[in-house]
Amino acid sequence: MFPLLPEFHFHRYREIVRVLLNHGLEFLFARLDPQWAPIRRFLRLPAGSVAAPSMPDEVALHLRLALEELGVTFIKLGQILSTRPDLLPPEFIRELSRLQDSVPPLPWEVIRPVIEQELGRPLEDVFAWIDPQPLASASLAQVHFARLYDGKEVVLKVQRPGVPRQVKVDLDILTAWARRVAGTRLGQYYDFVGVVDEFAFTLRNELDYRREARNAERFRRNFAGEPYLHIPEVYWQYTTQRLLVMEYLNGIKIDQFDRLRAEGYDLKRIALNSARIVIKEVLEDGFFHADPHPGNFVILPGEVIGAMDFGMVGFLRECDRADLVRLYIVSVRLDAEGIVDQLIRMGAADVHVNRKQLALDINRLLMKYANLPLKEIRAREVIEEVTPIMFRHHLRLPSNLWLLGKTLAMMEGIGLQLDPDFDVFAVSEPYVQKLTLEMFLPNRAWLEQGLQMGMEWEQFIRALPRTGLQMLEDLERREPLPLQIAGAERFMTQVHRLFIYLVFGILLAALIVALAFLLAMSPTGDWTRILLGGALFLVLGVSIGLLISMFWNRPR
């Protein structure tokens, strides 16, 4: 009946709308869809329990609470939206960054059959003991402690039953909403379908725990020679799409500062190690842990950091890292115009952006930090200052770069609590210098790019004779070349008129010179030659005018 209503998901759709209405967010539907009034009557929904919030902070708060209530898909959607300051105002970005993914655990009687189904055998055949009480519980999975028969301690991350089906239904509804909104005025400015498609791809990947296991293995390889980070071992023989079995890390959570001090850990060294991990991930490996909240890190003996939960990761290509270094360099130089140029190169700013106003806003931000030493600049404060500028000018950093900014801010927050003198810039400086040298000095990448360019030129040269011969044969047969150049007709019209002006000017100049010679050669008082020359000049002038008029008005 209504294009906004996805087929076969009526009850879930009604539940989603009801939750949003209970948080006073009905105005969102009214603004997005002109058919909202008849849809509301069709759904037979009661009035919401909360009056419509009037202040942006209140709207953002109720949106976060509604997303948490709606479960896994909408919690993940909120987390993705918190990395999109081009779509949402700063107060929404801040609020959605606080989304909590914690739900009551399912009974052991529900979880046990899932584990046995994934293993393909009874639990007793694999594990000597499993704790039925979970270590953690989220909307997507819950985690249980277990012990193998060889005495090794492991954790089992088990996907909650029904999650794939629920995610599919919710994604169908979100896709229908996005397509509906795409046809509205708001959809002309924002690619809602693209946002949902990207989110769906990310969430479906997160449902496959084999992918998370591969992420963990990649981190193990990247940090194989680094003693300050420990990545748990993956037990592949027990790991499936819905079950992940990994080594258990028995340590102290990184944010339990009093306990760390009481047990004699060096907090400054922990802060330094945490910074080294993130900087190496970003500037050296291009592969980073994108969910570095304190619950995912524990401290092991020797100030070694143990990492967990590799479902959310970020990727940086070599060109992304080079862009970051260039952006860092122009920022240190306080070059607002250079920053605008770099943002355009990165695709964050459109070429039609209001350069003058954007440079002015950036310059104001730069002046705020101009006289501060780097160690006194806080990543979180800078991100909060940058967010409204991005929203105002519709700047869109690639999602991985914005995710990186949030990662650095979270890491910095932990580092400052471990060590008040923590300076992330001092730790990153050697890596930045190394990457800068790699950008400008010949290296393997240059050789590979040169070979690629050579191959492209070789293909071009091979194709040129055949293509050129074909074009010549078309010309001989008087066939038009299949060339379409935007604006070519207007350009040729201007060239045509310019040519006419030029010819007219040359002929007119020739007539004036001829008349001057005629007058100079005529004896004084010989009015016959003078009148004859004047008549000839007049006739030729009129003829030229008629000729020009014919060419000017000729159909083109």
Protein backbone atom coordinates (compact mmCIF):
# COMPACT_ATOMS: atom_id res chain seq x y z
CA MET A 1 0.00 0.00 0.00
CA PHE A 2 2.69 2.46 0.99
CA PRO A 3 6.16 2.49 -0.62
CA LEU A 4 7.76 3.09 2.77
CA LEU A 5 6.48 -0.20 4.20
CA PRO A 6 8.68 -3.20 3.35
CA GLU A 7 6.76 -6.36 2.49
CA PHE A 8 6.57 -9.25 4.95
CA HIS A 9 8.12 -7.25 7.83
CA PHE A 10 5.05 -5.41 9.06
CA HIS A 11 5.33 -6.38 12.73
CA ARG A 12 9.02 -5.44 13.03
CA TYR A 13 8.37 -2.21 11.15
CA ARG A 14 5.55 -1.35 13.53
CA GLU A 15 7.79 -2.14 16.51
CA ILE A 16 10.55 0.16 15.21
CA VAL A 17 8.12 3.02 14.65
CA ARG A 18 6.55 2.51 18.07
CA VAL A 19 9.95 2.73 19.82
CA LEU A 20 10.82 5.91 17.97
CA LEU A 21 7.42 7.42 18.80
CA ASN A 22 7.87 6.54 22.47
CA HIS A 23 11.02 8.68 22.42
CA GLY A 24 9.21 11.65 20.86
CA LEU A 25 10.79 11.23 17.43
CA GLU A 26 7.63 11.15 15.30
CA PHE A 27 8.63 14.45 13.67
CA LEU A 28 11.44 12.58 11.86
CA PHE A 29 8.86 10.56 9.89
CA ALA A 30 6.70 13.62 9.23
CA ARG A 31 9.68 15.49 7.75
CA LEU A 32 10.93 12.58 5.66
CA ASP A 33 7.68 11.31 4.17
CA PRO A 34 4.64 13.33 3.01
CA GLN A 35 2.55 10.14 3.31
CA TRP A 36 3.32 9.76 7.01
CA ALA A 37 -0.20 10.71 8.24
CA PRO A 38 -2.03 7.90 6.36
CA ILE A 39 0.78 5.47 7.22
CA ARG A 40 0.37 6.27 10.92
CA ARG A 41 -3.38 5.58 10.71
CA PHE A 42 -2.67 2.34 8.87
CA LEU A 43 -0.28 1.20 11.62
CA ARG A 44 -2.83 2.07 14.35
CA LEU A 45 -0.14 3.41 16.65
CA PRO A 46 -0.92 5.04 20.02
CA ALA A 47 0.55 8.39 20.98
CA GLY A 48 4.19 8.38 22.11
CA SER A 49 5.03 8.36 25.81
CA VAL A 50 7.51 11.25 25.53
CA ALA A 51 6.83 14.73 24.22
CA ALA A 52 8.84 15.71 21.16
CA PRO A 53 12.22 17.00 22.39
CA SER A 54 12.90 20.59 21.37
CA MET A 55 16.66 20.98 21.83
CA PRO A 56 19.21 19.22 19.58
CA ASP A 57 20.94 17.64 22.59
CA GLU A 58 17.63 16.14 23.75
CA VAL A 59 16.81 14.82 20.28
CA ALA A 60 20.26 13.20 20.07
CA LEU A 61 19.84 11.63 23.53
CA HIS A 62 16.46 10.09 22.70
CA LEU A 63 17.76 8.87 19.35
CA ARG A 64 20.61 7.04 21.12
CA LEU A 65 18.23 5.51 23.67
CA ALA A 66 15.86 4.39 20.91
CA LEU A 67 18.67 2.77 18.93
CA GLU A 68 19.87 0.89 22.02
CA GLU A 69 16.33 -0.36 22.62
CA LEU A 70 15.94 -1.54 19.01
CA GLY A 71 18.88 -3.93 19.25
CA VAL A 72 21.93 -5.06 17.35
CA THR A 73 21.26 -3.65 13.86
CA PHE A 74 20.36 -0.18 15.07
CA ILE A 75 23.16 -0.08 17.64
CA LYS A 76 25.65 -0.86 14.88
CA LEU A 77 23.96 1.71 12.63
CA GLY A 78 24.38 4.35 15.33
CA GLN A 79 28.05 3.46 15.67
CA ILE A 80 28.52 3.89 11.92
CA LEU A 81 26.63 7.21 11.91
CA SER A 82 28.87 8.46 14.72
CA THR A 83 31.70 8.36 12.15
CA ARG A 84 29.77 10.52 9.64
CA PRO A 85 30.03 14.20 10.66
CA ASP A 86 29.04 15.12 7.10
CA LEU A 87 25.55 13.70 7.80
CA LEU A 88 24.87 14.62 11.44
CA PRO A 89 25.47 17.73 13.57
CA PRO A 90 28.17 17.59 16.29
CA GLU A 91 25.74 16.97 19.17
CA PHE A 92 24.48 13.80 17.44
CA ILE A 93 28.02 12.60 16.76
CA ARG A 94 28.93 13.01 20.43
CA GLU A 95 25.79 11.25 21.66
CA LEU A 96 25.95 8.32 19.25
CA SER A 97 29.59 7.78 20.25
CA ARG A 98 28.23 6.79 23.69
CA LEU A 99 26.14 3.90 22.37
CA GLN A 100 26.33 0.93 24.72
CA ASP A 101 26.04 -2.58 23.31
CA SER A 102 25.24 -4.49 26.47
CA VAL A 103 22.17 -6.66 26.98
CA PRO A 104 21.11 -9.32 29.52
CA PRO A 105 22.67 -12.71 28.71
CA LEU A 106 20.67 -15.58 27.28
CA PRO A 107 20.23 -18.68 29.47
CA TRP A 108 22.86 -21.40 29.13
CA GLU A 109 20.15 -23.78 27.93
CA VAL A 110 19.74 -21.56 24.84
CA ILE A 111 23.45 -21.00 24.15
CA ARG A 112 24.68 -24.60 24.64
CA PRO A 113 22.84 -26.04 21.58
CA VAL A 114 24.33 -23.30 19.40
CA ILE A 115 27.87 -24.25 20.44
CA GLU A 116 27.26 -27.97 19.90
CA GLN A 117 25.68 -27.32 16.51
CA GLU A 118 28.74 -25.32 15.39
CA LEU A 119 31.19 -27.91 16.76
CA GLY A 120 29.20 -30.80 15.31
CA ARG A 121 29.67 -32.83 18.52
CA PRO A 122 28.90 -32.70 22.27
CA LEU A 123 30.73 -30.11 24.37
CA GLU A 124 32.32 -32.82 26.48
CA ASP A 125 34.23 -34.09 23.45
CA VAL A 126 36.14 -30.79 23.19
CA PHE A 127 36.11 -28.94 26.52
CA ALA A 128 36.99 -30.20 29.97
CA TRP A 129 34.86 -27.43 31.50
CA ILE A 130 32.75 -24.41 30.40
CA ASP A 131 31.47 -21.69 32.68
CA PRO A 132 27.71 -21.32 32.01
CA GLN A 133 27.88 -17.72 33.31
CA PRO A 134 29.10 -15.44 30.48
CA LEU A 135 32.07 -13.10 30.86
CA ALA A 136 30.28 -10.53 28.67
CA SER A 137 27.01 -10.22 26.81
CA ALA A 138 26.17 -7.99 23.83
CA SER A 139 23.35 -7.84 21.31
CA LEU A 140 25.33 -9.84 18.75
CA ALA A 141 27.05 -12.47 20.94
CA GLN A 142 28.04 -13.50 24.41
CA VAL A 143 31.40 -14.77 25.68
CA HIS A 144 32.03 -17.82 27.89
CA PHE A 145 35.20 -19.03 29.61
CA ALA A 146 36.29 -22.66 29.01
CA ARG A 147 39.21 -25.04 29.53
CA LEU A 148 40.54 -27.58 27.06
CA TYR A 149 41.62 -31.08 28.06
CA ASP A 150 45.27 -30.07 27.72
CA GLY A 151 44.73 -27.41 30.38
CA LYS A 152 44.73 -24.38 28.05
CA GLU A 153 42.22 -21.68 28.93
CA VAL A 154 40.09 -20.28 26.12
CA VAL A 155 37.11 -18.00 25.51
CA LEU A 156 34.14 -18.83 23.31
CA LYS A 157 32.41 -16.02 21.45
CA VAL A 158 28.99 -17.41 20.55
CA GLN A 159 26.56 -15.68 18.20
CA ARG A 160 23.12 -15.31 19.72
CA PRO A 161 20.46 -17.43 17.96
CA GLY A 162 18.17 -15.54 15.61
CA VAL A 163 20.63 -12.70 15.02
CA PRO A 164 21.19 -13.28 11.26
CA ARG A 165 17.43 -13.38 10.66
CA GLN A 166 16.88 -10.24 12.73
CA VAL A 167 19.67 -8.40 10.92
CA LYS A 168 18.25 -9.37 7.53
CA VAL A 169 14.79 -8.06 8.42
CA ASP A 170 16.16 -4.80 9.81
CA LEU A 171 18.41 -4.27 6.79
CA ASP A 172 15.42 -4.80 4.48
CA ILE A 173 13.52 -2.11 6.39
CA LEU A 174 16.46 0.31 6.41
CA THR A 175 16.98 -0.22 2.67
CA ALA A 176 13.30 0.53 2.01
CA TRP A 177 13.52 3.69 4.13
CA ALA A 178 16.68 4.82 2.35
CA ARG A 179 15.12 4.35 -1.09
CA ARG A 180 12.03 6.23 0.02
CA VAL A 181 14.01 9.15 1.43
CA ALA A 182 16.20 9.21 -1.71
CA GLY A 183 13.19 10.57 -3.59
CA THR A 184 12.71 13.50 -1.22
CA ARG A 185 14.39 16.90 -1.17
CA LEU A 186 16.72 15.72 1.59
CA GLY A 187 17.74 12.76 -0.55
CA GLN A 188 19.11 15.14 -3.18
CA TYR A 189 21.86 16.22 -0.76
CA TYR A 190 22.71 12.94 0.98
CA ASP A 191 23.27 9.45 -0.41
CA PHE A 192 21.16 7.52 2.09
CA VAL A 193 21.07 4.40 -0.10
CA GLY A 194 24.89 4.42 -0.26
CA VAL A 195 25.13 4.81 3.53
CA VAL A 196 22.81 1.83 4.13
CA ASP A 197 24.59 -0.30 1.53
CA GLU A 198 27.98 0.38 3.14
CA PHE A 199 26.55 -0.33 6.59
CA ALA A 200 24.93 -3.58 5.42
CA PHE A 201 28.22 -4.77 3.93
CA THR A 202 30.07 -4.03 7.20
CA LEU A 203 27.48 -5.66 9.42
CA ARG A 204 27.23 -8.83 7.33
CA ASN A 205 30.99 -9.19 7.53
CA GLU A 206 30.85 -8.80 11.30
CA LEU A 207 28.42 -11.70 11.51
CA ASP A 208 31.12 -14.05 10.20
CA TYR A 209 33.53 -14.84 13.06
CA ARG A 210 35.99 -16.44 10.67
CA ARG A 211 36.66 -12.94 9.38
CA GLU A 212 37.36 -11.72 12.91
CA ALA A 213 39.73 -14.66 13.40
CA ARG A 214 41.60 -13.68 10.21
CA ASN A 215 41.88 -10.12 11.53
CA ALA A 216 43.47 -11.45 14.72
CA GLU A 217 45.93 -13.54 12.72
CA ARG A 218 46.91 -10.50 10.66
CA PHE A 219 47.61 -8.51 13.84
CA ARG A 220 49.75 -11.40 15.12
CA ARG A 221 51.85 -11.30 11.94
CA ASN A 222 52.18 -7.51 11.99
CA PHE A 223 53.38 -7.47 15.62
CA ALA A 224 55.38 -10.70 15.54
CA GLY A 225 58.58 -8.84 16.45
CA GLU A 226 57.04 -6.47 19.00
CA PRO A 227 57.23 -7.71 22.61
CA TYR A 228 54.87 -5.06 24.03
CA LEU A 229 51.69 -6.42 22.37
CA HIS A 230 50.16 -9.88 22.73
CA ILE A 231 47.47 -11.09 20.32
CA PRO A 232 45.59 -14.21 21.50
CA GLU A 233 45.94 -17.42 19.54
CA VAL A 234 42.98 -18.53 17.41
CA TYR A 235 41.87 -22.18 17.68
CA TRP A 236 40.87 -22.68 14.07
CA GLN A 237 39.81 -26.30 14.55
CA TYR A 238 36.86 -25.08 16.66
CA THR A 239 36.15 -21.74 14.95
CA THR A 240 33.17 -21.40 12.60
CA GLN A 241 30.98 -18.64 11.19
CA ARG A 242 29.03 -18.37 14.47
CA LEU A 243 31.64 -19.57 16.99
CA LEU A 244 35.07 -18.09 17.73
CA VAL A 245 37.46 -19.87 20.09
CA MET A 246 40.56 -17.93 21.20
CA GLU A 247 43.22 -17.96 23.89
CA TYR A 248 42.08 -16.48 27.20
CA LEU A 249 44.09 -13.45 28.38
CA ASN A 250 44.29 -13.31 32.17
CA GLY A 251 45.26 -9.73 32.90
CA ILE A 252 44.15 -6.43 34.43
CA LYS A 253 41.90 -4.14 32.41
CA ILE A 254 43.85 -1.16 31.13
CA ASP A 255 41.54 1.35 32.87
CA GLN A 256 41.90 -0.21 36.36
CA PHE A 257 44.58 2.32 37.26
CA ASP A 258 44.57 1.84 41.04
CA ARG A 259 44.96 -1.90 40.74
CA LEU A 260 47.78 -1.49 38.21
CA ARG A 261 49.63 0.86 40.58
CA ALA A 262 49.03 -1.46 43.55
CA GLU A 263 50.58 -4.39 41.67
CA GLY A 264 53.65 -2.37 40.69
CA TYR A 265 53.03 -1.77 36.98
CA ASP A 266 54.79 1.18 35.28
CA LEU A 267 51.86 3.26 34.00
CA LYS A 268 54.06 5.55 31.89
CA ARG A 269 55.48 2.57 30.08
CA ILE A 270 51.97 1.21 29.48
CA ALA A 271 50.94 4.58 28.00
CA LEU A 272 54.02 4.58 25.76
CA ASN A 273 53.34 1.02 24.59
CA SER A 274 49.69 1.80 23.80
CA ALA A 275 50.78 4.80 21.70
CA ARG A 276 53.39 2.74 19.85
CA ILE A 277 50.76 0.14 18.99
CA VAL A 278 48.34 2.62 17.43
CA ILE A 279 51.02 4.63 15.60
CA LYS A 280 52.55 1.45 14.12
CA GLU A 281 49.12 0.18 13.09
CA VAL A 282 48.28 3.44 11.34
CA LEU A 283 51.50 4.71 9.77
CA GLU A 284 53.37 1.46 9.19
CA ASP A 285 50.83 -1.34 8.71
CA GLY A 286 47.73 0.49 7.46
CA PHE A 287 45.59 -1.91 9.51
CA PHE A 288 44.31 -0.83 12.92
CA HIS A 289 42.05 -1.93 15.76
CA ALA A 290 39.03 0.35 15.42
CA ASP A 291 37.31 -0.37 18.74
CA PRO A 292 39.95 0.48 21.37
CA HIS A 293 37.69 0.97 24.38
CA PRO A 294 39.19 -0.12 27.74
CA GLY A 295 37.24 -3.37 27.86
CA ASN A 296 39.18 -4.69 24.87
CA PHE A 297 42.65 -4.35 26.41
CA VAL A 298 44.27 -6.00 29.43
CA ILE A 299 47.73 -5.57 30.94
CA LEU A 300 49.90 -8.66 31.24
CA PRO A 301 53.16 -9.03 33.21
CA GLY A 302 55.99 -6.85 31.89
CA GLU A 303 53.59 -4.03 30.86
CA VAL A 304 52.61 -6.10 27.84
CA ILE A 305 49.24 -5.11 26.37
CA GLY A 306 46.82 -7.88 25.45
CA ALA A 307 44.25 -7.01 22.79
CA MET A 308 40.83 -8.58 22.22
CA ASP A 309 37.78 -8.24 19.94
CA PHE A 310 38.92 -7.81 16.34
CA GLY A 311 35.50 -7.51 14.74
CA MET A 312 35.89 -3.81 13.94
CA VAL A 313 39.10 -2.90 12.13
CA GLY A 314 40.21 -0.08 9.85
CA PHE A 315 42.27 -0.14 6.66
CA LEU A 316 44.54 2.57 5.29
CA ARG A 317 46.01 2.33 1.83
CA GLU A 318 49.48 3.69 1.16
CA CYS A 319 47.93 6.75 -0.50
CA ASP A 320 45.73 7.31 2.60
CA ARG A 321 48.80 7.34 4.84
CA ALA A 322 50.59 9.71 2.44
CA ASP A 323 47.52 12.00 2.51
CA LEU A 324 47.59 11.99 6.31
CA VAL A 325 51.26 13.01 6.33
CA ARG A 326 50.63 15.80 3.80
CA LEU A 327 47.69 17.04 5.86
CA TYR A 328 49.86 16.94 8.98
CA ILE A 329 52.60 18.98 7.25
CA VAL A 330 50.31 21.78 6.02
CA SER A 331 48.58 21.87 9.41
CA VAL A 332 51.88 22.34 11.24
CA ARG A 333 52.68 25.16 8.79
CA LEU A 334 49.31 26.80 9.67
CA ASP A 335 48.54 26.84 5.94
CA ALA A 336 44.74 27.06 5.69
CA GLU A 337 44.74 27.23 1.89
CA GLY A 338 47.06 24.23 1.78
CA ILE A 339 44.65 22.30 4.00
CA VAL A 340 41.75 23.12 1.66
CA ASP A 341 43.80 21.97 -1.34
CA GLN A 342 44.69 18.72 0.41
CA LEU A 343 41.06 18.08 1.43
CA ILE A 344 40.02 18.48 -2.21
CA ARG A 345 42.78 16.08 -3.33
CA MET A 346 41.58 13.55 -0.78
CA GLY A 347 38.00 13.86 -2.00
CA ALA A 348 36.84 15.15 1.38
CA ALA A 349 35.79 18.51 -0.11
CA ASP A 350 33.99 19.05 -3.38
CA VAL A 351 35.73 21.20 -5.99
CA HIS A 352 32.74 23.56 -5.75
CA VAL A 353 33.12 24.03 -2.00
CA ASN A 354 33.15 27.62 -0.74
CA ARG A 355 36.94 27.78 -0.53
CA LYS A 356 37.03 31.24 0.99
CA GLN A 357 34.70 30.40 3.87
CA LEU A 358 36.24 26.97 4.44
CA ALA A 359 39.75 28.45 4.57
CA LEU A 360 38.48 31.11 6.99
CA ASP A 361 36.95 28.50 9.32
CA ILE A 362 40.12 26.38 9.19
CA ASN A 363 42.33 29.41 9.81
CA ARG A 364 40.32 30.29 12.94
CA LEU A 365 40.90 26.77 14.22
CA LEU A 366 44.62 26.93 13.40
CA MET A 367 45.02 30.24 15.20
CA LYS A 368 43.56 28.69 18.35
CA TYR A 369 46.41 26.17 18.45
CA ALA A 370 49.10 28.31 16.77
CA ASN A 371 51.24 29.05 19.84
CA LEU A 372 50.72 25.78 21.70
CA PRO A 373 53.41 23.09 21.81
CA LEU A 374 52.28 19.83 20.22
CA LYS A 375 52.22 17.98 23.53
CA GLU A 376 49.51 20.35 24.80
CA ILE A 377 47.21 19.70 21.82
CA ARG A 378 44.56 17.08 22.51
CA ALA A 379 43.19 14.92 19.69
CA ARG A 380 39.71 14.76 21.24
CA GLU A 381 39.46 18.56 21.45
CA VAL A 382 40.64 18.97 17.86
CA ILE A 383 38.06 16.43 16.63
CA GLU A 384 35.30 18.25 18.51
CA GLU A 385 36.42 21.52 16.89
CA VAL A 386 36.64 19.99 13.41
CA THR A 387 33.24 18.25 13.52
CA PRO A 388 31.04 21.39 13.09
CA ILE A 389 33.29 22.58 10.24
CA MET A 390 32.82 19.25 8.46
CA PHE A 391 29.05 19.39 8.90
CA ARG A 392 28.83 23.05 7.81
CA HIS A 393 30.77 22.46 4.58
CA HIS A 394 29.57 18.87 3.97
CA LEU A 395 33.12 17.57 4.13
CA ARG A 396 33.35 13.81 4.00
CA LEU A 397 36.51 12.12 5.07
CA PRO A 398 36.72 8.48 4.07
CA SER A 399 35.04 6.47 6.83
CA ASN A 400 38.32 4.78 7.79
CA LEU A 401 40.03 8.15 8.37
CA TRP A 402 37.24 9.38 10.63
CA LEU A 403 37.26 6.03 12.42
CA LEU A 404 40.98 6.55 12.86
CA GLY A 405 40.37 9.95 14.45
CA LYS A 406 38.03 8.41 17.00
CA THR A 407 40.55 5.63 17.66
CA LEU A 408 43.33 8.15 18.34
CA ALA A 409 41.05 10.13 20.64
CA MET A 410 40.14 7.03 22.67
CA MET A 411 43.77 5.93 22.86
CA GLU A 412 44.83 9.43 23.93
CA GLY A 413 42.19 9.46 26.69
CA ILE A 414 43.56 6.22 28.14
CA GLY A 415 47.15 7.44 27.74
CA LEU A 416 46.51 10.68 29.62
CA GLN A 417 44.96 8.80 32.53
CA LEU A 418 47.97 6.49 32.65
CA ASP A 419 50.47 9.35 32.28
CA PRO A 420 49.50 13.06 32.61
CA ASP A 421 52.55 13.98 30.48
CA PHE A 422 51.51 11.65 27.68
CA ASP A 423 52.38 13.15 24.26
CA VAL A 424 51.14 11.18 21.25
CA PHE A 425 52.92 13.54 18.83
CA ALA A 426 56.32 12.78 20.34
CA VAL A 427 55.70 9.05 19.86
CA SER A 428 54.44 9.49 16.30
CA GLU A 429 57.25 11.83 15.13
CA PRO A 430 59.76 9.08 14.13
CA TYR A 431 57.05 7.24 12.18
CA VAL A 432 55.96 10.45 10.43
CA GLN A 433 59.56 11.25 9.46
CA LYS A 434 60.09 7.73 8.14
CA LEU A 435 56.90 7.81 6.09
CA THR A 436 57.77 11.29 4.75
CA LEU A 437 61.15 10.02 3.53
CA GLU A 438 59.50 7.01 1.91
CA MET A 439 57.13 9.38 0.07
CA PHE A 440 59.97 11.34 -1.59
CA LEU A 441 62.83 8.84 -1.90
CA PRO A 442 62.92 6.16 -4.62
CA ASN A 443 61.66 2.83 -3.32
CA ARG A 444 59.97 -0.37 -4.40
CA ALA A 445 56.63 1.40 -4.74
CA TRP A 446 58.17 3.83 -7.22
CA LEU A 447 59.53 0.91 -9.24
CA GLU A 448 56.13 -0.80 -9.24
CA GLN A 449 54.39 2.41 -10.31
CA GLY A 450 56.98 2.94 -13.05
CA LEU A 451 56.44 -0.61 -14.33
CA GLN A 452 52.68 -0.12 -14.28
CA MET A 453 53.01 3.15 -16.20
CA GLY A 454 55.34 1.47 -18.70
CA MET A 455 52.81 -1.31 -19.25
CA GLU A 456 50.04 1.25 -19.85
CA TRP A 457 52.21 3.16 -22.37
CA GLU A 458 53.13 -0.12 -24.07
CA GLN A 459 49.43 -0.95 -24.47
CA PHE A 460 48.76 2.56 -25.79
CA ILE A 461 51.58 2.37 -28.36
CA ARG A 462 50.45 -1.06 -29.52
CA ALA A 463 46.87 0.16 -30.01
CA LEU A 464 47.80 3.50 -31.63
CA PRO A 465 48.57 2.26 -35.22
CA ARG A 466 45.39 0.19 -35.41
CA THR A 467 43.19 2.91 -33.95
CA GLY A 468 44.84 5.66 -36.01
CA LEU A 469 44.44 3.66 -39.26
CA GLN A 470 40.78 3.10 -38.47
CA MET A 471 40.27 6.86 -37.96
CA LEU A 472 42.01 7.66 -41.29
CA GLU A 473 39.84 5.13 -43.13
CA ASP A 474 36.73 6.71 -41.60
CA LEU A 475 37.92 10.12 -42.78
CA GLU A 476 38.53 8.81 -46.32
CA ARG A 477 35.00 7.45 -46.43
CA ARG A 478 33.84 10.87 -45.12
CA GLU A 479 32.35 9.21 -42.05
CA PRO A 480 32.10 11.39 -38.95
CA LEU A 481 34.46 10.58 -36.11
CA PRO A 482 32.59 9.37 -32.98
CA LEU A 483 33.82 12.22 -30.79
CA GLN A 484 31.61 13.96 -28.28
CA ILE A 485 33.14 17.02 -26.59
CA ALA A 486 31.07 18.86 -23.99
CA GLY A 487 30.58 22.50 -25.07
CA ALA A 488 32.19 21.91 -28.52
CA GLU A 489 29.31 23.52 -30.48
CA ARG A 490 29.42 26.71 -28.44
CA PHE A 491 33.21 26.83 -28.73
CA MET A 492 33.15 26.41 -32.53
CA THR A 493 30.53 29.16 -32.83
CA GLN A 494 32.81 31.53 -30.95
CA VAL A 495 35.79 30.52 -33.16
CA HIS A 496 33.65 31.07 -36.29
CA ARG A 497 32.68 34.57 -35.21
CA LEU A 498 36.23 35.42 -34.22
CA PHE A 499 37.40 34.35 -37.69
CA ILE A 500 34.80 36.65 -39.31
CA TYR A 501 35.97 39.57 -37.16
CA LEU A 502 39.54 38.86 -38.20
CA VAL A 503 38.73 38.72 -41.95
CA PHE A 504 36.63 41.87 -41.72
CA GLY A 505 39.45 43.70 -39.96
CA ILE A 506 42.04 42.63 -42.56
CA LEU A 507 39.86 43.67 -45.54
CA LEU A 508 38.96 46.96 -43.93
CA ALA A 509 42.60 47.72 -43.21
CA ALA A 510 43.52 46.86 -46.83
CA LEU A 511 40.85 49.26 -48.17
CA ILE A 512 42.07 52.09 -45.95
CA VAL A 513 45.67 51.56 -47.04
CA ALA A 514 44.62 51.41 -50.76
CA LEU A 515 42.62 54.62 -50.40
CA ALA A 516 45.56 56.32 -48.73
CA PHE A 517 47.85 55.33 -51.63
CA LEU A 518 45.27 56.56 -54.16
CA LEU A 519 45.01 59.94 -52.48
CA ALA A 520 48.77 60.25 -52.13
CA MET A 521 49.33 59.54 -55.85
CA SER A 522 46.57 61.87 -57.08
CA PRO A 523 47.73 65.33 -58.28
CA THR A 524 46.43 68.24 -56.32
CA GLY A 525 42.96 69.17 -57.49
CA ASP A 526 42.36 65.90 -59.41
CA TRP A 527 38.91 65.35 -57.93
CA THR A 528 38.03 62.72 -60.54
CA ARG A 529 40.44 60.13 -59.05
CA ILE A 530 39.45 61.07 -55.52
CA LEU A 531 35.72 60.62 -56.22
CA LEU A 532 36.41 57.39 -58.10
CA GLY A 533 38.46 56.03 -55.20
CA GLY A 534 35.80 57.02 -52.69
CA ALA A 535 33.08 55.30 -54.74
CA LEU A 536 35.22 52.16 -55.08
CA PHE A 537 35.85 52.14 -51.28
CA LEU A 538 32.12 52.46 -50.62
CA VAL A 539 31.20 49.62 -53.03
CA LEU A 540 33.85 47.29 -51.62
CA GLY A 541 32.86 48.15 -48.02
CA VAL A 542 29.19 47.34 -48.71
CA SER A 543 30.22 44.08 -50.44
CA ILE A 544 32.33 43.05 -47.47
CA GLY A 545 29.46 43.83 -45.10
CA LEU A 546 27.03 41.70 -47.14
CA LEU A 547 29.58 38.88 -47.28
CA ILE A 548 30.10 38.98 -43.52
CA SER A 549 26.35 39.04 -42.95
CA MET A 550 25.93 35.93 -45.10
CA PHE A 551 28.62 34.02 -43.15
CA TRP A 552 27.36 35.28 -39.77
CA ASN A 553 23.79 34.12 -40.31
CA ARG A 554 24.69 30.86 -42.07
CA PRO A 555 23.24 27.82 -40.21
CA ARG A 556 25.91 25.95 -38.25
